[in-house]
Each structure stands twice: as C-alpha cells, then as structure tokens.
C-alpha cells in the first residue's frame, strides 16, 4: 500500500510525463484534489505535502470542511452538481464554481452574490459525451448559458469543465476533451481571454492533457477508492 505522499508523487509524475509527450510545460497543468468523502485529517496531511487546490462535489461536505480547515490557505472550488437552494452555502466559501450549466443556477448565484455585494468566478460545465448520467449543458445550449453569465456583473467565466465519456477507448474519450478545447478556443478568440480547461481525472488525465487540459481533478488515484 503506497503512502499518501507516494501517491501524490506518482500523480505529479504522470502529469509531467503526459505534458512532456504532448510538448507542453507541466507547470501549465494544475492538480486539483477532489475531496469528496475525505476526512479533515486526510486533507490536512494533503495540504502539509504541498497541495493547496481542493475541489468539493457536495455542499454538505464543503461547509464543515471549509470551516474546519479555515486556518489553512486552501483554494476551494466547487466541482459538483449544484442545486439552487444550496447556493447560499457555497458563495463565500469557494473561489470558483465549475458546474454552471443552466439558467436557473446562474440566476441563483447572481441573486446570492448581489445580496452579499460580492462576485465569483465560474466555469461552464459541458456534457461533451452526451451521456444521460452526466450533468452539464448540451452543446446546443452552451451559447445560451454563456450569454446568461456574460450579462451578469457578479460572475466571470474563467474556463470550461467536462467529464470524459465512460469508455476505455482513447479516441472516444479524447473526442470529448477535443470538443471542449475547440469551444474554449472559440470563446477566447471572441472575448480576448485565456480560459482554463478543467478536464481529466484519475483514469484519463493523460488523454486530457494531450488535448490541452489546464487542470485535472484527481481523487481516487491519490486517496484510494471511495468508501
């Protein structure tokens, strides 16, 4: 059984190797630790090993974790499906919401930010695989979602997020990542921005990096299988 430090080292090596093969600088790919089901003690050890970017899927876990770890300079982002009635518990705790995918959640985030006189960075989550089990806006609605965010003063689009297809076939999974990169490139060309690509997880991060990912979200390969 490898230690937490050894598993983290292995992930950083995978990122470096994948970046090298893709002709990219590994410093351009950030590692986000997906903290779902992980306890506070484990996250403290993870921070002590040099990791500062954490992503949480569940509001009911985000709240106690951010409070218990408030003494540490951790950057928290929300990466799970967000319900409108839970927005109030997320704003003020995270630097970015990666799962913006529909008008109702945009309206809820906007209203809460206005109430608090604050703002939040967001990413547009896109369902690039077309799988019904996955959240994210379909391609047919992406521009509508983008436009809904752009008219708000409380949100700034900093990137795009997706989950690759549930497939062992490289070409199928990479097609998802390629589609998101093309979408991001088009957005940046239109708006003069440099947006992030949050794509790639424990099983497919190499393929995501080959297609231009700037942030991989890793949980299982670092923390082990979820209980």
Protein backbone atom coordinates (compact mmCIF):
# COMPACT_ATOMS: atom_id res chain seq x y z
CA UNK A 1 0.00 0.00 0.00
CA UNK A 2 1.55 3.29 -1.09
CA UNK A 3 1.51 6.26 1.24
CA UNK A 4 -0.36 9.48 0.51
CA UNK A 5 2.95 11.17 -0.28
CA UNK A 6 3.91 8.43 -2.72
CA UNK A 7 0.55 8.54 -4.48
CA UNK A 8 0.79 12.32 -4.84
CA UNK A 9 4.30 12.00 -6.22
CA UNK A 10 3.04 9.43 -8.72
CA UNK A 11 0.27 11.74 -9.92
CA UNK A 12 2.69 14.63 -10.39
CA UNK A 13 4.95 12.31 -12.38
CA UNK A 14 2.02 11.26 -14.56
CA UNK A 15 1.17 14.92 -15.20
CA UNK A 16 4.81 15.72 -16.04
CA UNK A 17 5.18 12.72 -18.35
CA UNK A 18 1.90 13.42 -20.15
CA UNK A 19 2.84 17.07 -20.58
CA UNK A 20 6.24 16.13 -22.00
CA UNK A 21 4.65 13.75 -24.51
CA UNK A 22 2.23 16.49 -25.54
CA UNK A 23 5.04 19.02 -25.94
CA UNK A 24 3.67 21.11 -23.07
CA UNK A 25 5.18 22.59 -19.92
CA UNK A 26 3.87 20.64 -16.92
CA UNK A 27 3.61 23.89 -14.95
CA UNK A 28 0.66 24.75 -17.20
CA UNK A 29 -1.39 21.85 -15.76
CA UNK A 30 -2.67 22.26 -12.20
CA UNK A 31 -3.61 19.38 -9.94
CA UNK A 32 -6.91 19.75 -8.12
CA UNK A 33 -7.58 17.24 -5.36
CA UNK A 34 -11.19 16.01 -5.41
CA UNK A 35 -12.04 15.85 -1.71
CA UNK A 36 -15.38 14.01 -1.82
CA UNK A 37 -15.71 11.65 1.20
CA UNK A 38 -12.24 12.56 2.52
CA UNK A 39 -11.97 13.50 6.18
CA UNK A 40 -10.40 16.65 7.57
CA UNK A 41 -7.33 14.86 8.93
CA UNK A 42 -6.52 13.46 5.49
CA UNK A 43 -6.93 16.88 3.91
CA UNK A 44 -4.61 18.42 6.50
CA UNK A 45 -1.96 15.86 5.62
CA UNK A 46 -2.51 16.57 1.94
CA UNK A 47 -2.01 20.29 2.50
CA UNK A 48 1.13 19.60 4.52
CA UNK A 49 2.50 17.77 1.46
CA UNK A 50 2.19 20.96 -0.59
CA UNK A 51 -1.26 20.70 -2.16
CA UNK A 52 -3.43 23.82 -1.92
CA UNK A 53 -6.12 23.42 -4.62
CA UNK A 54 -9.12 21.39 -3.45
CA UNK A 55 -12.41 20.68 -5.22
CA UNK A 56 -15.55 19.50 -3.44
CA UNK A 57 -18.59 17.84 -5.01
CA UNK A 58 -21.07 18.06 -2.16
CA UNK A 59 -22.32 21.14 -0.35
CA UNK A 60 -22.96 19.10 2.80
CA UNK A 61 -19.25 18.21 2.86
CA UNK A 62 -17.97 21.59 1.69
CA UNK A 63 -19.41 23.52 4.64
CA UNK A 64 -17.83 21.55 7.52
CA UNK A 65 -14.54 21.05 5.67
CA UNK A 66 -14.03 24.73 4.86
CA UNK A 67 -14.85 25.63 8.46
CA UNK A 68 -12.55 23.00 9.96
CA UNK A 69 -9.69 23.96 7.63
CA UNK A 70 -10.22 27.73 7.74
CA UNK A 71 -6.78 28.18 9.32
CA UNK A 72 -5.09 26.91 6.14
CA UNK A 73 -4.68 28.94 2.91
CA UNK A 74 -6.51 26.39 0.78
CA UNK A 75 -8.13 27.40 -2.50
CA UNK A 76 -11.54 25.72 -2.63
CA UNK A 77 -13.60 25.26 -5.78
CA UNK A 78 -16.98 23.61 -6.18
CA UNK A 79 -17.00 20.86 -8.82
CA UNK A 80 -20.28 19.00 -8.24
CA UNK A 81 -23.84 19.46 -9.43
CA UNK A 82 -25.21 22.48 -7.56
CA UNK A 83 -28.84 22.90 -6.58
CA UNK A 84 -30.27 26.42 -6.44
CA UNK A 85 -31.30 26.12 -2.79
CA UNK A 86 -27.71 25.28 -1.79
CA UNK A 87 -26.06 28.26 -3.49
CA UNK A 88 -26.10 30.34 -0.29
CA UNK A 89 -23.83 27.75 1.36
CA UNK A 90 -21.30 27.88 -1.49
CA UNK A 91 -20.87 31.60 -2.15
CA UNK A 92 -18.12 32.96 0.06
CA UNK A 93 -16.53 29.54 0.55
CA UNK A 94 -15.13 28.92 -2.92
CA UNK A 95 -13.10 30.88 -5.45
CA UNK A 96 -14.83 29.23 -8.41
CA UNK A 97 -17.93 27.20 -9.24
CA UNK A 98 -17.04 24.83 -12.05
CA UNK A 99 -20.52 23.39 -12.59
CA UNK A 100 -22.51 26.24 -14.15
CA UNK A 101 -24.77 24.55 -16.69
CA UNK A 102 -28.26 26.10 -16.74
CA UNK A 103 -30.15 29.37 -16.40
CA UNK A 104 -31.71 28.57 -13.02
CA UNK A 105 -28.34 28.10 -11.31
CA UNK A 106 -26.99 31.27 -12.92
CA UNK A 107 -29.94 33.22 -11.57
CA UNK A 108 -29.49 31.75 -8.09
CA UNK A 109 -25.76 32.52 -7.99
CA UNK A 110 -26.37 36.03 -9.30
CA UNK A 111 -29.06 36.72 -6.69
CA UNK A 112 -26.90 35.47 -3.81
CA UNK A 113 -23.87 37.46 -4.96
CA UNK A 114 -25.96 40.62 -5.31
CA UNK A 115 -27.32 40.07 -1.81
CA UNK A 116 -23.78 39.87 -0.44
CA UNK A 117 -22.28 42.51 -2.75
CA UNK A 118 -19.71 40.02 -4.00
CA UNK A 119 -18.78 38.06 -7.12
CA UNK A 120 -17.48 34.60 -8.02
CA UNK A 121 -15.51 33.02 -10.84
CA UNK A 122 -17.34 30.31 -12.76
CA UNK A 123 -16.73 27.65 -15.36
CA UNK A 124 -19.29 26.41 -17.84
CA UNK A 125 -19.82 22.66 -17.46
CA UNK A 126 -20.49 20.97 -20.80
CA UNK A 127 -21.79 17.44 -21.33
CA UNK A 128 -19.42 16.55 -24.16
CA UNK A 129 -20.19 12.82 -24.09
CA UNK A 130 -23.94 13.12 -24.46
CA UNK A 131 -24.36 10.53 -21.69
CA UNK A 132 -27.61 10.95 -19.77
CA UNK A 133 -25.87 10.07 -16.49
CA UNK A 134 -23.70 13.19 -16.67
CA UNK A 135 -24.55 16.78 -15.77
CA UNK A 136 -23.55 19.74 -17.91
CA UNK A 137 -25.18 21.75 -20.62
CA UNK A 138 -25.50 20.09 -24.02
CA UNK A 139 -23.66 21.73 -26.91
CA UNK A 140 -26.95 23.00 -28.30
CA UNK A 141 -27.39 25.20 -25.20
CA UNK A 142 -23.81 26.25 -24.50
CA UNK A 143 -24.02 29.67 -26.11
CA UNK A 144 -27.26 30.43 -24.28
CA UNK A 145 -25.62 29.57 -20.95
CA UNK A 146 -22.54 31.65 -21.78
CA UNK A 147 -24.72 34.63 -22.71
CA UNK A 148 -26.68 34.30 -19.46
CA UNK A 149 -23.44 34.58 -17.47
CA UNK A 150 -21.96 37.40 -19.55
CA UNK A 151 -24.86 39.75 -18.80
CA UNK A 152 -24.22 39.42 -15.04
CA UNK A 153 -21.81 41.62 -13.12
CA UNK A 154 -21.47 39.02 -10.36
CA UNK A 155 -19.81 36.25 -12.38
CA UNK A 156 -16.71 35.94 -14.53
CA UNK A 157 -16.18 33.00 -16.88
CA UNK A 158 -12.68 31.65 -16.23
CA UNK A 159 -12.96 28.36 -18.06
CA UNK A 160 -14.87 25.29 -19.15
CA UNK A 161 -15.27 21.89 -17.48
CA UNK A 162 -16.25 18.43 -18.66
CA UNK A 163 -16.13 14.75 -17.70
CA UNK A 164 -14.89 12.38 -20.40
CA UNK A 165 -17.03 9.60 -21.79
CA UNK A 166 -17.28 6.41 -19.73
CA UNK A 167 -15.24 4.38 -22.21
CA UNK A 168 -11.94 2.51 -22.40
CA UNK A 169 -11.43 3.69 -25.97
CA UNK A 170 -8.95 6.55 -26.16
CA UNK A 171 -10.42 8.04 -29.32
CA UNK A 172 -13.89 8.24 -27.73
CA UNK A 173 -12.69 9.91 -24.54
CA UNK A 174 -10.30 12.28 -26.29
CA UNK A 175 -13.07 13.40 -28.61
CA UNK A 176 -14.88 14.81 -25.56
CA UNK A 177 -11.81 16.76 -24.48
CA UNK A 178 -11.11 17.94 -28.01
CA UNK A 179 -14.64 19.30 -28.33
CA UNK A 180 -14.26 21.30 -25.13
CA UNK A 181 -10.91 22.69 -26.26
CA UNK A 182 -12.41 23.83 -29.55
CA UNK A 183 -15.25 25.51 -27.65
CA UNK A 184 -12.78 27.21 -25.28
CA UNK A 185 -10.59 28.39 -28.16
CA UNK A 186 -13.59 29.91 -29.91
CA UNK A 187 -14.69 31.68 -26.72
CA UNK A 188 -11.22 33.08 -26.09
CA UNK A 189 -10.85 34.28 -29.68
CA UNK A 190 -14.18 36.09 -29.36
CA UNK A 191 -13.52 37.69 -26.00
CA UNK A 192 -9.74 38.12 -25.87
CA UNK A 193 -9.47 35.88 -22.81
CA UNK A 194 -7.27 32.99 -21.71
CA UNK A 195 -9.64 30.44 -20.22
CA UNK A 196 -8.91 27.25 -18.32
CA UNK A 197 -9.86 23.73 -19.33
CA UNK A 198 -10.84 21.60 -16.33
CA UNK A 199 -10.85 18.08 -17.73
CA UNK A 200 -9.26 14.77 -16.91
CA UNK A 201 -9.50 12.61 -13.80
CA UNK A 202 -7.64 9.63 -12.31
CA UNK A 203 -8.22 7.28 -15.25
CA UNK A 204 -7.94 9.64 -18.22
CA UNK A 205 -5.78 12.59 -17.21
CA UNK A 206 -3.09 11.72 -19.79
CA UNK A 207 -5.61 11.94 -22.62
CA UNK A 208 -6.97 15.21 -21.24
CA UNK A 209 -3.50 16.75 -21.04
CA UNK A 210 -2.81 15.67 -24.62
CA UNK A 211 -5.92 17.63 -25.61
CA UNK A 212 -4.95 20.77 -23.69
CA UNK A 213 -6.29 20.40 -20.15
CA UNK A 214 -5.00 23.05 -17.74
CA UNK A 215 -6.50 21.44 -14.62
CA UNK A 216 -7.01 17.77 -13.77
CA UNK A 217 -9.36 16.75 -10.96
CA UNK A 218 -7.97 13.72 -9.13
CA UNK A 219 -9.44 11.86 -6.18
CA UNK A 220 -9.23 8.06 -6.37
CA UNK A 221 -5.61 7.87 -7.62
CA UNK A 222 -4.48 9.91 -4.61
CA UNK A 223 -6.88 8.96 -1.82
CA UNK A 224 -7.84 5.46 -2.92
CA UNK A 225 -11.29 4.05 -3.71
CA UNK A 226 -14.13 5.91 -2.00
CA UNK A 227 -15.79 4.12 0.86
